[in-house]
Amino acid sequence: MAGTRGRGEYRTEAERRTRLYVEGTTVRQEEVVRERPERRQREVSRQVRRNRERALHMTAPYVLMLAVAVVAMLVVCCQYLQLQSDIVYSKHSVTSLTSSIEALKTQNDATEDSIEIYTDLDYIYEVATSELGMVYPSDDQIILYDKEESEYVRQYEDIPTDD
């Protein structure tokens, strides 16, 4: 068919629109291009059009509600950040107090050790005997007794006599 018709000869106007010649030194074949029929715009009902217009417009109550929601969200976020900051501060305080307690315990143990080192029993004996006039008790001054009520002696309790 293509061979019998020359250039520019078409049977119908539709054929003329759908056929396209590509010319060049090596290409001599006919190429058919089909155009898609134009889609008709669907008619939109008035109710749908009104709903779309309403959705596009923001009313004052909607904007007010949105602003209140945003402010509430910001307040909650700020409170959350404040609480998180307080927790971090408390953790740092606990850590510093714990290290302070450990330092004080170490210092206390060192002081106790130094006190025990300076406790010289020979020095105590020397001061007690020479400066204070104290002497060891003699055997007749020592009274031994058995008390079965408890394992210790109260200071102001009467000492039982040997009868």
C-alpha atoms as a PDB file:
ATOM      1  CA  MET A   1       0.000   0.000   0.000  1.00  0.00           C
ATOM      2  CA  ALA A   2       2.745   2.331   0.913  1.00  0.00           C
ATOM      3  CA  GLY A   3       4.362   1.677  -2.416  1.00  0.00           C
ATOM      4  CA  THR A   4       1.330   2.701  -4.511  1.00  0.00           C
ATOM      5  CA  ARG A   5       0.790   6.015  -2.862  1.00  0.00           C
ATOM      6  CA  GLY A   6       3.258   8.799  -3.187  1.00  0.00           C
ATOM      7  CA  ARG A   7       4.250  11.359  -0.712  1.00  0.00           C
ATOM      8  CA  GLY A   8       1.490  13.310   0.885  1.00  0.00           C
ATOM      9  CA  GLU A   9      -1.285  11.049  -0.414  1.00  0.00           C
ATOM     10  CA  TYR A  10      -3.620   9.888   2.352  1.00  0.00           C
ATOM     11  CA  ARG A  11      -7.069   8.367   2.130  1.00  0.00           C
ATOM     12  CA  THR A  12      -8.463  10.145   5.170  1.00  0.00           C
ATOM     13  CA  GLU A  13      -7.566  13.004   7.439  1.00  0.00           C
ATOM     14  CA  ALA A  14      -7.167  10.541  10.375  1.00  0.00           C
ATOM     15  CA  GLU A  15      -4.633   8.540   8.352  1.00  0.00           C
ATOM     16  CA  ARG A  16      -2.738  11.722   7.627  1.00  0.00           C
ATOM     17  CA  ARG A  17      -2.554  12.490  11.346  1.00  0.00           C
ATOM     18  CA  THR A  18      -1.425   8.996  12.360  1.00  0.00           C
ATOM     19  CA  ARG A  19       1.234   8.446   9.697  1.00  0.00           C
ATOM     20  CA  LEU A  20       4.576  10.091   9.834  1.00  0.00           C
ATOM     21  CA  TYR A  21       7.423   9.879   7.393  1.00  0.00           C
ATOM     22  CA  VAL A  22      10.969   9.896   8.638  1.00  0.00           C
ATOM     23  CA  GLU A  23      13.316  10.940   5.906  1.00  0.00           C
ATOM     24  CA  GLY A  24      17.062  10.716   5.786  1.00  0.00           C
ATOM     25  CA  THR A  25      19.884   9.048   3.871  1.00  0.00           C
ATOM     26  CA  THR A  26      19.370   5.597   5.350  1.00  0.00           C
ATOM     27  CA  VAL A  27      15.857   5.565   6.690  1.00  0.00           C
ATOM     28  CA  ARG A  28      13.128   5.144   4.128  1.00  0.00           C
ATOM     29  CA  GLN A  29      10.491   3.150   6.006  1.00  0.00           C
ATOM     30  CA  GLU A  30       7.153   4.497   6.993  1.00  0.00           C
ATOM     31  CA  GLU A  31       6.570   4.839  10.731  1.00  0.00           C
ATOM     32  CA  VAL A  32       3.068   4.940  12.107  1.00  0.00           C
ATOM     33  CA  VAL A  33       2.545   7.077  15.163  1.00  0.00           C
ATOM     34  CA  ARG A  34      -0.736   6.741  16.926  1.00  0.00           C
ATOM     35  CA  GLU A  35      -1.863   9.631  19.031  1.00  0.00           C
ATOM     36  CA  ARG A  36      -3.716   8.966  22.184  1.00  0.00           C
ATOM     37  CA  PRO A  37      -7.174  10.334  22.190  1.00  0.00           C
ATOM     38  CA  GLU A  38      -7.495  13.303  24.467  1.00  0.00           C
ATOM     39  CA  ARG A  39      -9.010  12.456  27.774  1.00  0.00           C
ATOM     40  CA  ARG A  40     -12.099  14.346  28.489  1.00  0.00           C
ATOM     41  CA  GLN A  41     -12.132  16.142  31.733  1.00  0.00           C
ATOM     42  CA  ARG A  42     -14.721  14.649  33.951  1.00  0.00           C
ATOM     43  CA  GLU A  43     -17.279  17.058  35.067  1.00  0.00           C
ATOM     44  CA  VAL A  44     -17.013  17.527  38.785  1.00  0.00           C
ATOM     45  CA  SER A  45     -20.198  17.880  40.722  1.00  0.00           C
ATOM     46  CA  ARG A  46     -20.931  21.070  42.556  1.00  0.00           C
ATOM     47  CA  GLN A  47     -20.775  19.346  45.957  1.00  0.00           C
ATOM     48  CA  VAL A  48     -17.268  17.994  45.271  1.00  0.00           C
ATOM     49  CA  ARG A  49     -16.150  21.391  44.030  1.00  0.00           C
ATOM     50  CA  ARG A  50     -17.503  23.042  47.200  1.00  0.00           C
ATOM     51  CA  ASN A  51     -15.760  20.471  49.395  1.00  0.00           C
ATOM     52  CA  ARG A  52     -12.476  21.090  47.605  1.00  0.00           C
ATOM     53  CA  GLU A  53     -12.818  24.826  47.995  1.00  0.00           C
ATOM     54  CA  ARG A  54     -13.662  24.420  51.684  1.00  0.00           C
ATOM     55  CA  ALA A  55     -10.597  22.208  52.189  1.00  0.00           C
ATOM     56  CA  LEU A  56      -8.373  24.835  50.589  1.00  0.00           C
ATOM     57  CA  HIS A  57      -9.581  27.661  52.813  1.00  0.00           C
ATOM     58  CA  MET A  58      -8.597  27.786  56.462  1.00  0.00           C
ATOM     59  CA  THR A  59     -11.200  29.251  58.730  1.00  0.00           C
ATOM     60  CA  ALA A  60     -10.501  31.187  61.923  1.00  0.00           C
ATOM     61  CA  PRO A  61     -11.578  28.365  64.294  1.00  0.00           C
ATOM     62  CA  TYR A  62      -9.352  25.908  62.408  1.00  0.00           C
ATOM     63  CA  VAL A  63      -6.353  28.232  62.601  1.00  0.00           C
ATOM     64  CA  LEU A  64      -7.049  28.905  66.306  1.00  0.00           C
ATOM     65  CA  MET A  65      -7.287  25.189  67.081  1.00  0.00           C
ATOM     66  CA  LEU A  66      -4.083  24.537  65.132  1.00  0.00           C
ATOM     67  CA  ALA A  67      -2.269  27.333  66.979  1.00  0.00           C
ATOM     68  CA  VAL A  68      -3.425  25.989  70.365  1.00  0.00           C
ATOM     69  CA  ALA A  69      -2.239  22.497  69.420  1.00  0.00           C
ATOM     70  CA  VAL A  70       1.172  23.830  68.349  1.00  0.00           C
ATOM     71  CA  VAL A  71       1.556  25.867  71.556  1.00  0.00           C
ATOM     72  CA  ALA A  72       0.557  22.847  73.671  1.00  0.00           C
ATOM     73  CA  MET A  73       3.079  20.698  71.845  1.00  0.00           C
ATOM     74  CA  LEU A  74       5.817  23.294  72.388  1.00  0.00           C
ATOM     75  CA  VAL A  75       5.008  23.501  76.114  1.00  0.00           C
ATOM     76  CA  VAL A  76       5.136  19.716  76.463  1.00  0.00           C
ATOM     77  CA  CYS A  77       8.444  19.571  74.563  1.00  0.00           C
ATOM     78  CA  CYS A  78       9.947  22.310  76.731  1.00  0.00           C
ATOM     79  CA  GLN A  79       8.843  20.535  79.913  1.00  0.00           C
ATOM     80  CA  TYR A  80      10.302  17.285  78.614  1.00  0.00           C
ATOM     81  CA  LEU A  81      13.629  18.967  77.891  1.00  0.00           C
ATOM     82  CA  GLN A  82      13.597  20.623  81.335  1.00  0.00           C
ATOM     83  CA  LEU A  83      12.970  17.284  83.063  1.00  0.00           C
ATOM     84  CA  GLN A  84      15.697  15.640  81.052  1.00  0.00           C
ATOM     85  CA  SER A  85      18.082  18.456  81.999  1.00  0.00           C
ATOM     86  CA  ASP A  86      17.147  18.049  85.680  1.00  0.00           C
ATOM     87  CA  ILE A  87      17.820  14.314  85.486  1.00  0.00           C
ATOM     88  CA  VAL A  88      21.237  14.888  83.940  1.00  0.00           C
ATOM     89  CA  TYR A  89      22.043  17.508  86.609  1.00  0.00           C
ATOM     90  CA  SER A  90      20.924  15.114  89.364  1.00  0.00           C
ATOM     91  CA  LYS A  91      23.100  12.336  87.957  1.00  0.00           C
ATOM     92  CA  HIS A  92      26.102  14.666  87.934  1.00  0.00           C
ATOM     93  CA  SER A  93      25.311  15.756  91.506  1.00  0.00           C
ATOM     94  CA  VAL A  94      25.063  12.146  92.674  1.00  0.00           C
ATOM     95  CA  THR A  95      28.347  11.335  90.953  1.00  0.00           C
ATOM     96  CA  SER A  96      30.149  14.295  92.528  1.00  0.00           C
ATOM     97  CA  LEU A  97      28.688  13.539  95.981  1.00  0.00           C
ATOM     98  CA  THR A  98      29.699   9.885  95.666  1.00  0.00           C
ATOM     99  CA  SER A  99      33.250  10.855  94.780  1.00  0.00           C
ATOM    100  CA  SER A 100      33.234  13.340  97.683  1.00  0.00           C
ATOM    101  CA  ILE A 101      32.087  10.608 100.086  1.00  0.00           C
ATOM    102  CA  GLU A 102      34.799   8.279  98.829  1.00  0.00           C
ATOM    103  CA  ALA A 103      37.405  11.014  99.331  1.00  0.00           C
ATOM    104  CA  LEU A 104      36.158  11.671 102.884  1.00  0.00           C
ATOM    105  CA  LYS A 105      36.200   7.945 103.695  1.00  0.00           C
ATOM    106  CA  THR A 106      39.765   7.689 102.430  1.00  0.00           C
ATOM    107  CA  GLN A 107      40.764  10.716 104.483  1.00  0.00           C
ATOM    108  CA  ASN A 108      39.005   9.309 107.560  1.00  0.00           C
ATOM    109  CA  ASP A 109      40.765   5.963 107.202  1.00  0.00           C
ATOM    110  CA  ALA A 110      44.115   7.716 106.798  1.00  0.00           C
ATOM    111  CA  THR A 111      43.475   9.818 109.936  1.00  0.00           C
ATOM    112  CA  GLU A 112      42.458   6.734 111.907  1.00  0.00           C
ATOM    113  CA  ASP A 113      45.613   4.922 110.803  1.00  0.00           C
ATOM    114  CA  SER A 114      47.775   7.891 111.822  1.00  0.00           C
ATOM    115  CA  ILE A 115      46.095   7.994 115.239  1.00  0.00           C
ATOM    116  CA  GLU A 116      46.748   4.289 115.744  1.00  0.00           C
ATOM    117  CA  ILE A 117      50.367   4.746 114.711  1.00  0.00           C
ATOM    118  CA  TYR A 118      50.879   7.565 117.227  1.00  0.00           C
ATOM    119  CA  THR A 119      49.391   5.503 120.024  1.00  0.00           C
ATOM    120  CA  ASP A 120      52.589   4.461 121.739  1.00  0.00           C
ATOM    121  CA  LEU A 121      51.930   2.194 124.708  1.00  0.00           C
ATOM    122  CA  ASP A 122      55.372   2.874 126.190  1.00  0.00           C
ATOM    123  CA  TYR A 123      54.669   6.621 126.148  1.00  0.00           C
ATOM    124  CA  ILE A 124      51.298   6.054 127.835  1.00  0.00           C
ATOM    125  CA  TYR A 125      52.959   3.943 130.565  1.00  0.00           C
ATOM    126  CA  GLU A 126      55.632   6.602 131.095  1.00  0.00           C
ATOM    127  CA  VAL A 127      53.080   9.423 131.481  1.00  0.00           C
ATOM    128  CA  ALA A 128      50.838   7.334 133.739  1.00  0.00           C
ATOM    129  CA  THR A 129      53.583   6.274 136.113  1.00  0.00           C
ATOM    130  CA  SER A 130      55.776   9.371 136.236  1.00  0.00           C
ATOM    131  CA  GLU A 131      53.376  12.278 135.781  1.00  0.00           C
ATOM    132  CA  LEU A 132      50.159  10.850 137.190  1.00  0.00           C
ATOM    133  CA  GLY A 133      51.661   8.582 139.879  1.00  0.00           C
ATOM    134  CA  MET A 134      49.767   5.494 138.781  1.00  0.00           C
ATOM    135  CA  VAL A 135      51.016   2.003 139.696  1.00  0.00           C
ATOM    136  CA  TYR A 136      50.037  -1.526 138.804  1.00  0.00           C
ATOM    137  CA  PRO A 137      47.648  -3.091 141.338  1.00  0.00           C
ATOM    138  CA  SER A 138      49.049  -5.654 143.719  1.00  0.00           C
ATOM    139  CA  ASP A 139      47.651  -9.186 143.904  1.00  0.00           C
ATOM    140  CA  ASP A 140      45.691  -8.451 147.095  1.00  0.00           C
ATOM    141  CA  GLN A 141      43.883  -5.549 145.361  1.00  0.00           C
ATOM    142  CA  ILE A 142      42.511  -7.748 142.593  1.00  0.00           C
ATOM    143  CA  ILE A 143      39.161  -9.409 143.356  1.00  0.00           C
ATOM    144  CA  LEU A 144      37.798 -11.969 140.937  1.00  0.00           C
ATOM    145  CA  TYR A 145      34.158 -13.032 140.918  1.00  0.00           C
ATOM    146  CA  ASP A 146      31.752 -14.876 138.659  1.00  0.00           C
ATOM    147  CA  LYS A 147      28.691 -13.126 137.366  1.00  0.00           C
ATOM    148  CA  GLU A 148      26.280 -15.247 135.403  1.00  0.00           C
ATOM    149  CA  GLU A 149      23.633 -12.642 134.500  1.00  0.00           C
ATOM    150  CA  SER A 150      25.498 -11.027 131.651  1.00  0.00           C
ATOM    151  CA  GLU A 151      28.892 -10.919 130.056  1.00  0.00           C
ATOM    152  CA  TYR A 152      29.788  -7.396 131.108  1.00  0.00           C
ATOM    153  CA  VAL A 153      29.917  -5.434 134.357  1.00  0.00           C
ATOM    154  CA  ARG A 154      27.937  -2.255 134.785  1.00  0.00           C
ATOM    155  CA  GLN A 155      29.885   0.612 136.214  1.00  0.00           C
ATOM    156  CA  TYR A 156      27.582   1.506 139.108  1.00  0.00           C
ATOM    157  CA  GLU A 157      26.488  -1.966 140.107  1.00  0.00           C
ATOM    158  CA  ASP A 158      27.485  -3.328 143.501  1.00  0.00           C
ATOM    159  CA  ILE A 159      30.308  -5.804 143.541  1.00  0.00           C
ATOM    160  CA  PRO A 160      29.304  -9.031 145.279  1.00  0.00           C
ATOM    161  CA  THR A 161      31.218  -9.930 148.406  1.00  0.00           C
ATOM    162  CA  ASP A 162      32.690 -13.360 149.131  1.00  0.00           C
ATOM    163  CA  ASP A 163      30.690 -14.688 152.004  1.00  0.00           C
END
